[in-house]
Amino acid sequence: MEVNEIWGERKEMVKISLPNANEVLKRGLRFFLGGNYEWLPEYDEIAKWLTDNKGRGLLFYGSNGRGKTVVCQKVIPAIFTYYLKVDYNQYDAIDLGDTFRNEIGNIELMWNEKPLLIDDIGTESVINDYGEKHDLVSELIDRAEKTKRLLILTTNLTPSEIGERYGLRTLDRLRSIVKSVKSIGDSLRR
């Protein structure tokens, strides 16, 4: 009997390889922000990740108003849909509690293997399910590492604040499965 017959096929994380990622990212930003958008240095890192994610997810973190949500909740989903033909799940962190409660029967959020995009981690609350507390982001990161699920996360938290909020174990797991891109500077919201 072979190992695959016992354990099943070894799953690989979604690989992203978009040769013209820089131009595609610019087109997406232009579409969602208009023609006078500002190209930020951190977008170069996002384009590199889109060119070859090396089997890792993405953590886009840092200052408010620097385009994290637009990139990770609008542009990347459009790229997944139109260029890569990848199906995904997308949530706002603040709504995770409601999502968990609505899907408690099958907990799709936790168990399906589609790439998962979550905007603004750190804004969600701990879920109390009949006395059992769930820190959904920590549980999702733990599960993603074990199942090689692609995570794309945004947050205003620094890595040390992520460690304080979710624990060093979760931070360590997160670091092992994502490329971190830091956004610094003043808000561009007008």
N, C-alpha and C. Protein backbone atom coordinates (compact mmCIF):
# COMPACT_ATOMS: atom_id res chain seq x y z
N MET A 1 0.85 -1.17 0.00
CA MET A 1 0.00 0.00 0.00
C MET A 1 0.89 1.24 0.00
N GLU A 2 0.58 2.20 -0.88
CA GLU A 2 1.38 3.41 -0.97
C GLU A 2 0.89 4.45 0.03
N VAL A 3 1.77 5.39 0.33
CA VAL A 3 1.45 6.45 1.29
C VAL A 3 0.22 7.22 0.84
N ASN A 4 0.09 7.53 -0.45
CA ASN A 4 -1.06 8.29 -0.94
C ASN A 4 -2.37 7.56 -0.71
N GLU A 5 -2.35 6.23 -0.69
CA GLU A 5 -3.57 5.48 -0.44
C GLU A 5 -4.02 5.64 1.02
N ILE A 6 -3.07 5.86 1.91
CA ILE A 6 -3.39 6.02 3.32
C ILE A 6 -3.77 7.46 3.64
N TRP A 7 -2.95 8.40 3.20
CA TRP A 7 -3.11 9.80 3.59
C TRP A 7 -3.81 10.64 2.53
N GLY A 8 -3.92 10.17 1.32
CA GLY A 8 -4.47 10.98 0.25
C GLY A 8 -3.37 11.80 -0.41
N GLU A 9 -3.73 12.50 -1.45
CA GLU A 9 -2.76 13.33 -2.16
C GLU A 9 -2.32 14.49 -1.27
N ARG A 10 -1.05 14.85 -1.37
CA ARG A 10 -0.54 16.01 -0.64
C ARG A 10 -1.01 17.27 -1.37
N LYS A 11 -1.72 18.11 -0.67
CA LYS A 11 -2.28 19.30 -1.25
C LYS A 11 -1.22 20.40 -1.32
N GLU A 12 -1.21 21.12 -2.41
CA GLU A 12 -0.31 22.27 -2.57
C GLU A 12 -1.14 23.54 -2.48
N MET A 13 -0.55 24.60 -1.94
CA MET A 13 -1.23 25.88 -1.87
C MET A 13 -1.37 26.44 -3.29
N VAL A 14 -2.39 27.24 -3.51
CA VAL A 14 -2.62 27.83 -4.82
C VAL A 14 -1.39 28.62 -5.25
N LYS A 15 -0.91 28.30 -6.43
CA LYS A 15 0.24 29.02 -6.98
C LYS A 15 -0.27 30.10 -7.92
N ILE A 16 0.26 31.28 -7.74
CA ILE A 16 -0.11 32.41 -8.57
C ILE A 16 1.09 32.77 -9.43
N SER A 17 0.85 32.86 -10.71
CA SER A 17 1.92 33.21 -11.65
C SER A 17 1.31 34.08 -12.75
N LEU A 18 1.41 35.36 -12.58
CA LEU A 18 0.85 36.32 -13.52
C LEU A 18 2.00 37.12 -14.11
N PRO A 19 2.47 36.75 -15.32
CA PRO A 19 3.67 37.36 -15.88
C PRO A 19 3.60 38.88 -16.02
N ASN A 20 2.45 39.43 -16.34
CA ASN A 20 2.31 40.87 -16.52
C ASN A 20 1.62 41.51 -15.31
N ALA A 21 1.95 41.03 -14.13
CA ALA A 21 1.25 41.44 -12.90
C ALA A 21 1.29 42.94 -12.66
N ASN A 22 2.42 43.57 -12.94
CA ASN A 22 2.54 45.01 -12.70
C ASN A 22 1.49 45.77 -13.50
N GLU A 23 1.37 45.45 -14.78
CA GLU A 23 0.39 46.12 -15.64
C GLU A 23 -1.04 45.77 -15.24
N VAL A 24 -1.28 44.52 -14.90
CA VAL A 24 -2.63 44.10 -14.49
C VAL A 24 -3.03 44.81 -13.20
N LEU A 25 -2.10 44.91 -12.24
CA LEU A 25 -2.38 45.62 -10.99
C LEU A 25 -2.68 47.09 -11.27
N LYS A 26 -1.92 47.71 -12.16
CA LYS A 26 -2.17 49.11 -12.53
C LYS A 26 -3.55 49.27 -13.16
N ARG A 27 -3.91 48.32 -14.05
CA ARG A 27 -5.24 48.38 -14.67
C ARG A 27 -6.35 48.26 -13.63
N GLY A 28 -6.15 47.35 -12.66
CA GLY A 28 -7.14 47.19 -11.61
C GLY A 28 -7.28 48.43 -10.74
N LEU A 29 -6.17 49.02 -10.37
CA LEU A 29 -6.21 50.24 -9.57
C LEU A 29 -6.88 51.37 -10.34
N ARG A 30 -6.55 51.48 -11.63
CA ARG A 30 -7.17 52.52 -12.47
C ARG A 30 -8.68 52.30 -12.55
N PHE A 31 -9.10 51.04 -12.69
CA PHE A 31 -10.53 50.74 -12.78
C PHE A 31 -11.26 51.11 -11.49
N PHE A 32 -10.70 50.71 -10.33
CA PHE A 32 -11.40 50.92 -9.07
C PHE A 32 -11.18 52.31 -8.47
N LEU A 33 -10.08 52.96 -8.78
CA LEU A 33 -9.78 54.26 -8.18
C LEU A 33 -9.84 55.42 -9.16
N GLY A 34 -9.92 55.13 -10.43
CA GLY A 34 -9.91 56.19 -11.44
C GLY A 34 -8.50 56.40 -11.98
N GLY A 35 -8.42 57.18 -13.02
CA GLY A 35 -7.17 57.38 -13.73
C GLY A 35 -6.09 58.13 -12.97
N ASN A 36 -6.46 58.84 -11.93
CA ASN A 36 -5.45 59.62 -11.21
C ASN A 36 -5.04 58.95 -9.90
N TYR A 37 -5.09 57.62 -9.86
CA TYR A 37 -4.63 56.90 -8.66
C TYR A 37 -3.13 57.12 -8.50
N GLU A 38 -2.65 56.90 -7.29
CA GLU A 38 -1.23 57.05 -7.01
C GLU A 38 -0.60 55.67 -6.84
N TRP A 39 0.44 55.37 -7.62
CA TRP A 39 1.17 54.11 -7.49
C TRP A 39 2.09 54.22 -6.29
N LEU A 40 1.91 53.35 -5.32
CA LEU A 40 2.70 53.38 -4.09
C LEU A 40 3.80 52.33 -4.15
N PRO A 41 4.92 52.57 -3.44
CA PRO A 41 6.04 51.61 -3.46
C PRO A 41 5.61 50.20 -3.06
N GLU A 42 4.67 50.07 -2.13
CA GLU A 42 4.23 48.75 -1.68
C GLU A 42 3.52 47.97 -2.79
N TYR A 43 2.99 48.68 -3.79
CA TYR A 43 2.33 47.99 -4.90
C TYR A 43 3.34 47.20 -5.73
N ASP A 44 4.61 47.64 -5.75
CA ASP A 44 5.65 46.86 -6.43
C ASP A 44 5.77 45.48 -5.78
N GLU A 45 5.69 45.43 -4.45
CA GLU A 45 5.78 44.15 -3.73
C GLU A 45 4.56 43.28 -4.01
N ILE A 46 3.39 43.90 -4.12
CA ILE A 46 2.17 43.15 -4.46
C ILE A 46 2.32 42.57 -5.87
N ALA A 47 2.83 43.36 -6.80
CA ALA A 47 3.03 42.88 -8.18
C ALA A 47 4.03 41.72 -8.20
N LYS A 48 5.09 41.79 -7.41
CA LYS A 48 6.05 40.68 -7.33
C LYS A 48 5.36 39.42 -6.82
N TRP A 49 4.50 39.59 -5.81
CA TRP A 49 3.77 38.46 -5.25
C TRP A 49 2.83 37.86 -6.31
N LEU A 50 2.16 38.70 -7.08
CA LEU A 50 1.27 38.22 -8.13
C LEU A 50 2.04 37.53 -9.26
N THR A 51 3.29 37.95 -9.48
CA THR A 51 4.12 37.33 -10.50
C THR A 51 4.49 35.90 -10.10
N ASP A 52 4.80 35.72 -8.82
CA ASP A 52 5.13 34.39 -8.30
C ASP A 52 4.95 34.41 -6.78
N ASN A 53 3.85 33.87 -6.32
CA ASN A 53 3.58 33.89 -4.88
C ASN A 53 4.36 32.83 -4.13
N LYS A 54 5.09 31.98 -4.84
CA LYS A 54 5.90 30.92 -4.23
C LYS A 54 5.06 30.05 -3.29
N GLY A 55 3.77 29.93 -3.62
CA GLY A 55 2.87 29.10 -2.83
C GLY A 55 2.49 29.71 -1.49
N ARG A 56 2.67 31.02 -1.34
CA ARG A 56 2.34 31.68 -0.07
C ARG A 56 1.21 32.68 -0.26
N GLY A 57 0.49 32.92 0.81
CA GLY A 57 -0.56 33.92 0.82
C GLY A 57 0.04 35.30 0.96
N LEU A 58 -0.80 36.26 1.33
CA LEU A 58 -0.38 37.66 1.42
C LEU A 58 -0.96 38.30 2.67
N LEU A 59 -0.12 39.01 3.40
CA LEU A 59 -0.55 39.87 4.50
C LEU A 59 -0.14 41.28 4.13
N PHE A 60 -1.13 42.13 3.86
CA PHE A 60 -0.90 43.53 3.51
C PHE A 60 -1.30 44.34 4.73
N TYR A 61 -0.31 44.94 5.40
CA TYR A 61 -0.58 45.60 6.68
C TYR A 61 0.02 47.00 6.72
N GLY A 62 -0.47 47.80 7.65
CA GLY A 62 0.13 49.11 7.87
C GLY A 62 -0.88 50.22 7.98
N SER A 63 -0.42 51.39 7.60
CA SER A 63 -1.15 52.64 7.78
C SER A 63 -2.53 52.63 7.15
N ASN A 64 -3.43 53.41 7.75
CA ASN A 64 -4.78 53.58 7.22
C ASN A 64 -4.75 54.32 5.89
N GLY A 65 -5.71 54.01 5.03
CA GLY A 65 -5.92 54.80 3.82
C GLY A 65 -4.85 54.66 2.76
N ARG A 66 -4.19 53.52 2.71
CA ARG A 66 -3.09 53.32 1.74
C ARG A 66 -3.44 52.29 0.66
N GLY A 67 -4.71 51.95 0.54
CA GLY A 67 -5.13 51.09 -0.56
C GLY A 67 -5.14 49.60 -0.27
N LYS A 68 -5.00 49.22 0.98
CA LYS A 68 -4.98 47.78 1.31
C LYS A 68 -6.29 47.11 0.92
N THR A 69 -7.39 47.72 1.29
CA THR A 69 -8.70 47.13 1.01
C THR A 69 -8.97 47.11 -0.50
N VAL A 70 -8.66 48.18 -1.18
CA VAL A 70 -8.89 48.21 -2.63
C VAL A 70 -8.11 47.10 -3.32
N VAL A 71 -6.84 46.95 -2.96
CA VAL A 71 -6.00 45.93 -3.59
C VAL A 71 -6.51 44.53 -3.25
N CYS A 72 -6.74 44.26 -1.97
CA CYS A 72 -7.03 42.89 -1.54
C CYS A 72 -8.50 42.49 -1.59
N GLN A 73 -9.40 43.45 -1.66
CA GLN A 73 -10.81 43.10 -1.69
C GLN A 73 -11.49 43.44 -3.01
N LYS A 74 -10.77 44.16 -3.88
CA LYS A 74 -11.34 44.48 -5.18
C LYS A 74 -10.44 44.04 -6.33
N VAL A 75 -9.18 44.50 -6.33
CA VAL A 75 -8.29 44.21 -7.45
C VAL A 75 -7.91 42.72 -7.49
N ILE A 76 -7.42 42.18 -6.38
CA ILE A 76 -7.02 40.76 -6.39
C ILE A 76 -8.20 39.84 -6.69
N PRO A 77 -9.40 40.06 -6.12
CA PRO A 77 -10.52 39.22 -6.53
C PRO A 77 -10.82 39.30 -8.04
N ALA A 78 -10.70 40.49 -8.61
CA ALA A 78 -10.91 40.63 -10.06
C ALA A 78 -9.84 39.85 -10.83
N ILE A 79 -8.60 39.91 -10.36
CA ILE A 79 -7.52 39.15 -10.99
C ILE A 79 -7.80 37.65 -10.86
N PHE A 80 -8.22 37.21 -9.68
CA PHE A 80 -8.55 35.79 -9.49
C PHE A 80 -9.64 35.36 -10.47
N THR A 81 -10.66 36.18 -10.62
CA THR A 81 -11.80 35.83 -11.46
C THR A 81 -11.45 35.86 -12.95
N TYR A 82 -10.87 36.95 -13.41
CA TYR A 82 -10.71 37.16 -14.84
C TYR A 82 -9.41 36.63 -15.42
N TYR A 83 -8.34 36.65 -14.66
CA TYR A 83 -7.05 36.23 -15.20
C TYR A 83 -6.65 34.82 -14.77
N LEU A 84 -6.91 34.48 -13.52
CA LEU A 84 -6.43 33.21 -13.00
C LEU A 84 -7.50 32.13 -12.92
N LYS A 85 -8.77 32.52 -13.06
CA LYS A 85 -9.89 31.57 -12.98
C LYS A 85 -9.87 30.78 -11.67
N VAL A 86 -9.64 31.50 -10.57
CA VAL A 86 -9.58 30.91 -9.24
C VAL A 86 -10.80 31.36 -8.46
N ASP A 87 -11.52 30.41 -7.88
CA ASP A 87 -12.67 30.71 -7.03
C ASP A 87 -12.16 30.98 -5.61
N TYR A 88 -12.81 31.84 -4.87
CA TYR A 88 -12.33 32.26 -3.56
C TYR A 88 -13.52 32.62 -2.66
N ASN A 89 -13.24 32.76 -1.37
CA ASN A 89 -14.20 33.29 -0.41
C ASN A 89 -13.66 34.62 0.10
N GLN A 90 -14.55 35.58 0.33
CA GLN A 90 -14.14 36.92 0.72
C GLN A 90 -15.02 37.42 1.86
N TYR A 91 -14.37 37.98 2.89
CA TYR A 91 -15.09 38.46 4.07
C TYR A 91 -14.45 39.72 4.61
N ASP A 92 -15.25 40.52 5.30
CA ASP A 92 -14.74 41.60 6.14
C ASP A 92 -14.60 40.99 7.53
N ALA A 93 -13.48 41.22 8.18
CA ALA A 93 -13.23 40.62 9.50
C ALA A 93 -14.32 40.96 10.50
N ILE A 94 -14.81 42.16 10.45
CA ILE A 94 -15.82 42.58 11.42
C ILE A 94 -17.10 41.74 11.30
N ASP A 95 -17.32 41.13 10.12
CA ASP A 95 -18.51 40.31 9.89
C ASP A 95 -18.29 38.82 10.14
N LEU A 96 -17.09 38.44 10.53
CA LEU A 96 -16.80 37.01 10.70
C LEU A 96 -17.70 36.35 11.73
N GLY A 97 -18.04 37.06 12.79
CA GLY A 97 -18.92 36.49 13.81
C GLY A 97 -20.27 36.12 13.23
N ASP A 98 -20.84 37.01 12.43
CA ASP A 98 -22.13 36.73 11.81
C ASP A 98 -22.01 35.60 10.81
N THR A 99 -20.92 35.56 10.06
CA THR A 99 -20.68 34.50 9.09
C THR A 99 -20.60 33.17 9.80
N PHE A 100 -19.86 33.13 10.91
CA PHE A 100 -19.71 31.90 11.67
C PHE A 100 -21.06 31.44 12.19
N ARG A 101 -21.84 32.36 12.75
CA ARG A 101 -23.14 31.99 13.30
C ARG A 101 -24.08 31.49 12.20
N ASN A 102 -24.03 32.10 11.03
CA ASN A 102 -24.92 31.71 9.94
C ASN A 102 -24.53 30.37 9.33
N GLU A 103 -23.26 30.02 9.42
CA GLU A 103 -22.78 28.81 8.77
C GLU A 103 -22.35 27.75 9.78
N ILE A 104 -22.84 27.84 11.00
CA ILE A 104 -22.37 26.94 12.06
C ILE A 104 -22.62 25.47 11.70
N GLY A 105 -23.65 25.22 10.90
CA GLY A 105 -23.94 23.83 10.54
C GLY A 105 -22.82 23.17 9.76
N ASN A 106 -22.24 23.88 8.80
CA ASN A 106 -21.17 23.26 8.01
C ASN A 106 -19.85 24.01 8.14
N ILE A 107 -19.86 25.13 8.77
CA ILE A 107 -18.68 25.97 8.98
C ILE A 107 -17.84 26.05 7.71
N GLU A 108 -18.50 26.42 6.62
CA GLU A 108 -17.82 26.52 5.32
C GLU A 108 -16.59 27.39 5.40
N LEU A 109 -16.69 28.47 6.14
CA LEU A 109 -15.57 29.38 6.27
C LEU A 109 -14.31 28.66 6.75
N MET A 110 -14.48 27.71 7.65
CA MET A 110 -13.33 27.00 8.21
C MET A 110 -12.87 25.85 7.32
N TRP A 111 -13.77 25.16 6.65
CA TRP A 111 -13.43 23.86 6.09
C TRP A 111 -13.27 23.81 4.59
N ASN A 112 -13.80 24.78 3.84
CA ASN A 112 -13.57 24.65 2.41
C ASN A 112 -12.14 25.06 2.09
N GLU A 113 -11.68 24.75 0.91
CA GLU A 113 -10.27 24.93 0.59
C GLU A 113 -10.02 26.08 -0.37
N LYS A 114 -11.04 26.84 -0.69
CA LYS A 114 -10.86 27.98 -1.59
C LYS A 114 -9.95 29.02 -0.93
N PRO A 115 -9.20 29.78 -1.73
CA PRO A 115 -8.46 30.90 -1.14
C PRO A 115 -9.41 31.79 -0.35
N LEU A 116 -8.90 32.34 0.74
CA LEU A 116 -9.71 33.12 1.65
C LEU A 116 -9.14 34.53 1.77
N LEU A 117 -9.96 35.52 1.45
CA LEU A 117 -9.57 36.92 1.53
C LEU A 117 -10.34 37.55 2.69
N ILE A 118 -9.61 38.08 3.67
CA ILE A 118 -10.26 38.71 4.82
C ILE A 118 -9.68 40.11 4.98
N ASP A 119 -10.55 41.09 4.98
CA ASP A 119 -10.15 42.48 5.12
C ASP A 119 -10.23 42.92 6.57
N ASP A 120 -9.17 43.55 7.03
CA ASP A 120 -9.12 44.26 8.31
C ASP A 120 -9.16 43.34 9.53
N ILE A 121 -8.29 42.30 9.53
CA ILE A 121 -8.24 41.47 10.73
C ILE A 121 -7.83 42.34 11.91
N GLY A 122 -8.35 41.98 13.05
CA GLY A 122 -8.15 42.77 14.26
C GLY A 122 -9.40 43.53 14.64
N THR A 123 -10.38 43.61 13.73
CA THR A 123 -11.64 44.31 14.04
C THR A 123 -12.74 43.34 14.44
N GLU A 124 -12.49 42.03 14.27
CA GLU A 124 -13.51 41.03 14.60
C GLU A 124 -13.56 40.79 16.10
N SER A 125 -14.66 40.27 16.56
CA SER A 125 -14.78 39.93 17.97
C SER A 125 -14.62 38.43 18.15
N VAL A 126 -14.33 38.03 19.38
CA VAL A 126 -14.27 36.61 19.70
C VAL A 126 -15.71 36.09 19.69
N ILE A 127 -15.90 34.93 19.12
CA ILE A 127 -17.23 34.34 18.99
C ILE A 127 -17.51 33.45 20.19
N ASN A 128 -18.69 33.59 20.76
CA ASN A 128 -19.11 32.73 21.85
C ASN A 128 -20.23 31.84 21.32
N ASP A 129 -19.91 30.58 21.10
CA ASP A 129 -20.86 29.62 20.55
C ASP A 129 -21.30 28.67 21.66
N TYR A 130 -22.40 29.00 22.31
CA TYR A 130 -22.93 28.20 23.41
C TYR A 130 -21.86 27.93 24.46
N GLY A 131 -21.14 28.99 24.84
CA GLY A 131 -20.14 28.88 25.90
C GLY A 131 -18.75 28.53 25.41
N GLU A 132 -18.63 28.11 24.16
CA GLU A 132 -17.32 27.80 23.60
C GLU A 132 -16.83 29.02 22.82
N LYS A 133 -15.69 29.57 23.24
CA LYS A 133 -15.16 30.77 22.60
C LYS A 133 -14.30 30.38 21.40
N HIS A 134 -14.46 31.16 20.31
CA HIS A 134 -13.70 30.94 19.09
C HIS A 134 -13.03 32.25 18.69
N ASP A 135 -11.72 32.21 18.54
CA ASP A 135 -10.99 33.31 17.93
C ASP A 135 -10.81 32.88 16.48
N LEU A 136 -11.75 33.27 15.64
CA LEU A 136 -11.84 32.74 14.29
C LEU A 136 -10.59 32.99 13.47
N VAL A 137 -9.98 34.16 13.58
CA VAL A 137 -8.78 34.44 12.78
C VAL A 137 -7.65 33.49 13.16
N SER A 138 -7.43 33.29 14.45
CA SER A 138 -6.40 32.34 14.88
C SER A 138 -6.71 30.94 14.37
N GLU A 139 -7.97 30.53 14.47
CA GLU A 139 -8.36 29.20 14.00
C GLU A 139 -8.19 29.07 12.49
N LEU A 140 -8.51 30.12 11.75
CA LEU A 140 -8.35 30.08 10.30
C LEU A 140 -6.87 30.01 9.90
N ILE A 141 -6.03 30.77 10.58
CA ILE A 141 -4.59 30.73 10.28
C ILE A 141 -4.03 29.35 10.60
N ASP A 142 -4.42 28.80 11.73
CA ASP A 142 -3.97 27.46 12.11
C ASP A 142 -4.39 26.44 11.05
N ARG A 143 -5.64 26.49 10.68
CA ARG A 143 -6.17 25.55 9.69
C ARG A 143 -5.52 25.76 8.32
N ALA A 144 -5.31 27.01 7.93
CA ALA A 144 -4.69 27.31 6.64
C ALA A 144 -3.28 26.74 6.56
N GLU A 145 -2.54 26.82 7.65
CA GLU A 145 -1.19 26.25 7.63
C GLU A 145 -1.25 24.74 7.44
N LYS A 146 -2.17 24.11 8.12
CA LYS A 146 -2.27 22.65 8.05
C LYS A 146 -2.78 22.15 6.70
N THR A 147 -3.68 22.91 6.08
CA THR A 147 -4.31 22.47 4.83
C THR A 147 -3.72 23.15 3.60
N LYS A 148 -2.77 24.03 3.80
CA LYS A 148 -2.14 24.79 2.70
C LYS A 148 -3.16 25.66 1.97
N ARG A 149 -4.08 26.23 2.72
CA ARG A 149 -5.08 27.13 2.15
C ARG A 149 -4.47 28.51 1.97
N LEU A 150 -4.69 29.11 0.85
CA LEU A 150 -4.16 30.43 0.55
C LEU A 150 -4.96 31.49 1.30
N LEU A 151 -4.27 32.30 2.10
CA LEU A 151 -4.89 33.41 2.83
C LEU A 151 -4.38 34.73 2.28
N ILE A 152 -5.29 35.67 2.11
CA ILE A 152 -4.94 37.04 1.77
C ILE A 152 -5.63 37.90 2.81
N LEU A 153 -4.82 38.58 3.62
CA LEU A 153 -5.32 39.32 4.77
C LEU A 153 -4.85 40.77 4.72
N THR A 154 -5.70 41.67 5.19
CA THR A 154 -5.28 43.05 5.41
C THR A 154 -5.50 43.39 6.87
N THR A 155 -4.70 44.33 7.36
CA THR A 155 -4.86 44.78 8.74
C THR A 155 -4.11 46.10 8.93
N ASN A 156 -4.56 46.85 9.91
CA ASN A 156 -3.83 48.04 10.34
C ASN A 156 -2.88 47.69 11.48
N LEU A 157 -2.91 46.44 11.94
CA LEU A 157 -2.04 46.00 13.03
C LEU A 157 -0.62 45.76 12.52
N THR A 158 0.36 46.03 13.37
CA THR A 158 1.75 45.67 13.07
C THR A 158 1.93 44.20 13.41
N PRO A 159 3.02 43.58 12.95
CA PRO A 159 3.26 42.20 13.35
C PRO A 159 3.29 42.01 14.87
N SER A 160 3.89 42.94 15.61
CA SER A 160 3.91 42.77 17.07
C SER A 160 2.51 42.88 17.65
N GLU A 161 1.66 43.73 17.08
CA GLU A 161 0.27 43.83 17.54
C GLU A 161 -0.52 42.58 17.17
N ILE A 162 -0.20 41.98 16.03
CA ILE A 162 -0.83 40.71 15.66
C ILE A 162 -0.45 39.66 16.69
N GLY A 163 0.82 39.63 17.09
CA GLY A 163 1.28 38.69 18.12
C GLY A 163 0.57 38.91 19.44
N GLU A 164 0.38 40.17 19.82
CA GLU A 164 -0.33 40.48 21.08
C GLU A 164 -1.79 40.07 20.99
N ARG A 165 -2.41 40.33 19.86
CA ARG A 165 -3.85 40.06 19.70
C ARG A 165 -4.15 38.55 19.59
N TYR A 166 -3.37 37.85 18.76
CA TYR A 166 -3.68 36.46 18.46
C TYR A 166 -2.72 35.45 19.09
N GLY A 167 -1.63 35.94 19.63
CA GLY A 167 -0.65 35.05 20.25
C GLY A 167 0.54 34.81 19.33
N LEU A 168 1.67 34.51 19.94
CA LEU A 168 2.91 34.30 19.17
C LEU A 168 2.84 33.05 18.30
N ARG A 169 2.12 32.04 18.75
CA ARG A 169 1.96 30.81 17.96
C ARG A 169 1.28 31.13 16.64
N THR A 170 0.20 31.90 16.69
CA THR A 170 -0.53 32.29 15.48
C THR A 170 0.34 33.17 14.59
N LEU A 171 1.06 34.11 15.18
CA LEU A 171 1.95 34.98 14.40
C LEU A 171 3.01 34.15 13.69
N ASP A 172 3.58 33.18 14.37
CA ASP A 172 4.60 32.33 13.78
C ASP A 172 4.03 31.53 12.61
N ARG A 173 2.83 30.98 12.79
CA ARG A 173 2.18 30.23 11.71
C ARG A 173 1.89 31.15 10.52
N LEU A 174 1.41 32.35 10.83
CA LEU A 174 1.08 33.30 9.78
C LEU A 174 2.33 33.65 8.97
N ARG A 175 3.41 33.92 9.66
CA ARG A 175 4.67 34.26 8.97
C ARG A 175 5.12 33.14 8.04
N SER A 176 4.80 31.90 8.39
CA SER A 176 5.25 30.77 7.57
C SER A 176 4.42 30.57 6.31
N ILE A 177 3.22 31.18 6.24
CA ILE A 177 2.35 30.92 5.09
C ILE A 177 2.03 32.14 4.24
N VAL A 178 2.51 33.33 4.64
CA VAL A 178 2.22 34.53 3.85
C VAL A 178 3.47 35.34 3.57
N LYS A 179 3.39 36.13 2.52
CA LYS A 179 4.37 37.18 2.28
C LYS A 179 3.79 38.43 2.92
N SER A 180 4.57 39.11 3.73
CA SER A 180 4.12 40.33 4.38
C SER A 180 4.55 41.54 3.56
N VAL A 181 3.61 42.44 3.33
CA VAL A 181 3.89 43.69 2.62
C VAL A 181 3.42 44.82 3.52
N LYS A 182 4.35 45.68 3.86
CA LYS A 182 4.06 46.81 4.77
C LYS A 182 3.74 48.07 3.98
N SER A 183 2.70 48.76 4.43
CA SER A 183 2.28 50.01 3.83
C SER A 183 2.50 51.13 4.82
N ILE A 184 3.31 52.11 4.47
CA ILE A 184 3.55 53.22 5.38
C ILE A 184 3.32 54.54 4.66
N GLY A 185 2.98 55.54 5.42
CA GLY A 185 2.75 56.86 4.85
C GLY A 185 1.41 57.40 5.26
N ASP A 186 1.14 58.60 4.82
CA ASP A 186 -0.12 59.27 5.15
C ASP A 186 -1.28 58.67 4.37
N SER A 187 -2.46 58.82 4.93
CA SER A 187 -3.67 58.34 4.29
C SER A 187 -3.88 59.09 2.96
N LEU A 188 -4.34 58.36 1.97
CA LEU A 188 -4.66 58.95 0.67
C LEU A 188 -6.14 59.23 0.53
N ARG A 189 -6.90 58.95 1.57
CA ARG A 189 -8.34 59.22 1.49
C ARG A 189 -8.55 60.73 1.44
N ARG A 190 -9.43 61.10 0.58
CA ARG A 190 -9.71 62.55 0.43
C ARG A 190 -11.14 62.83 0.72
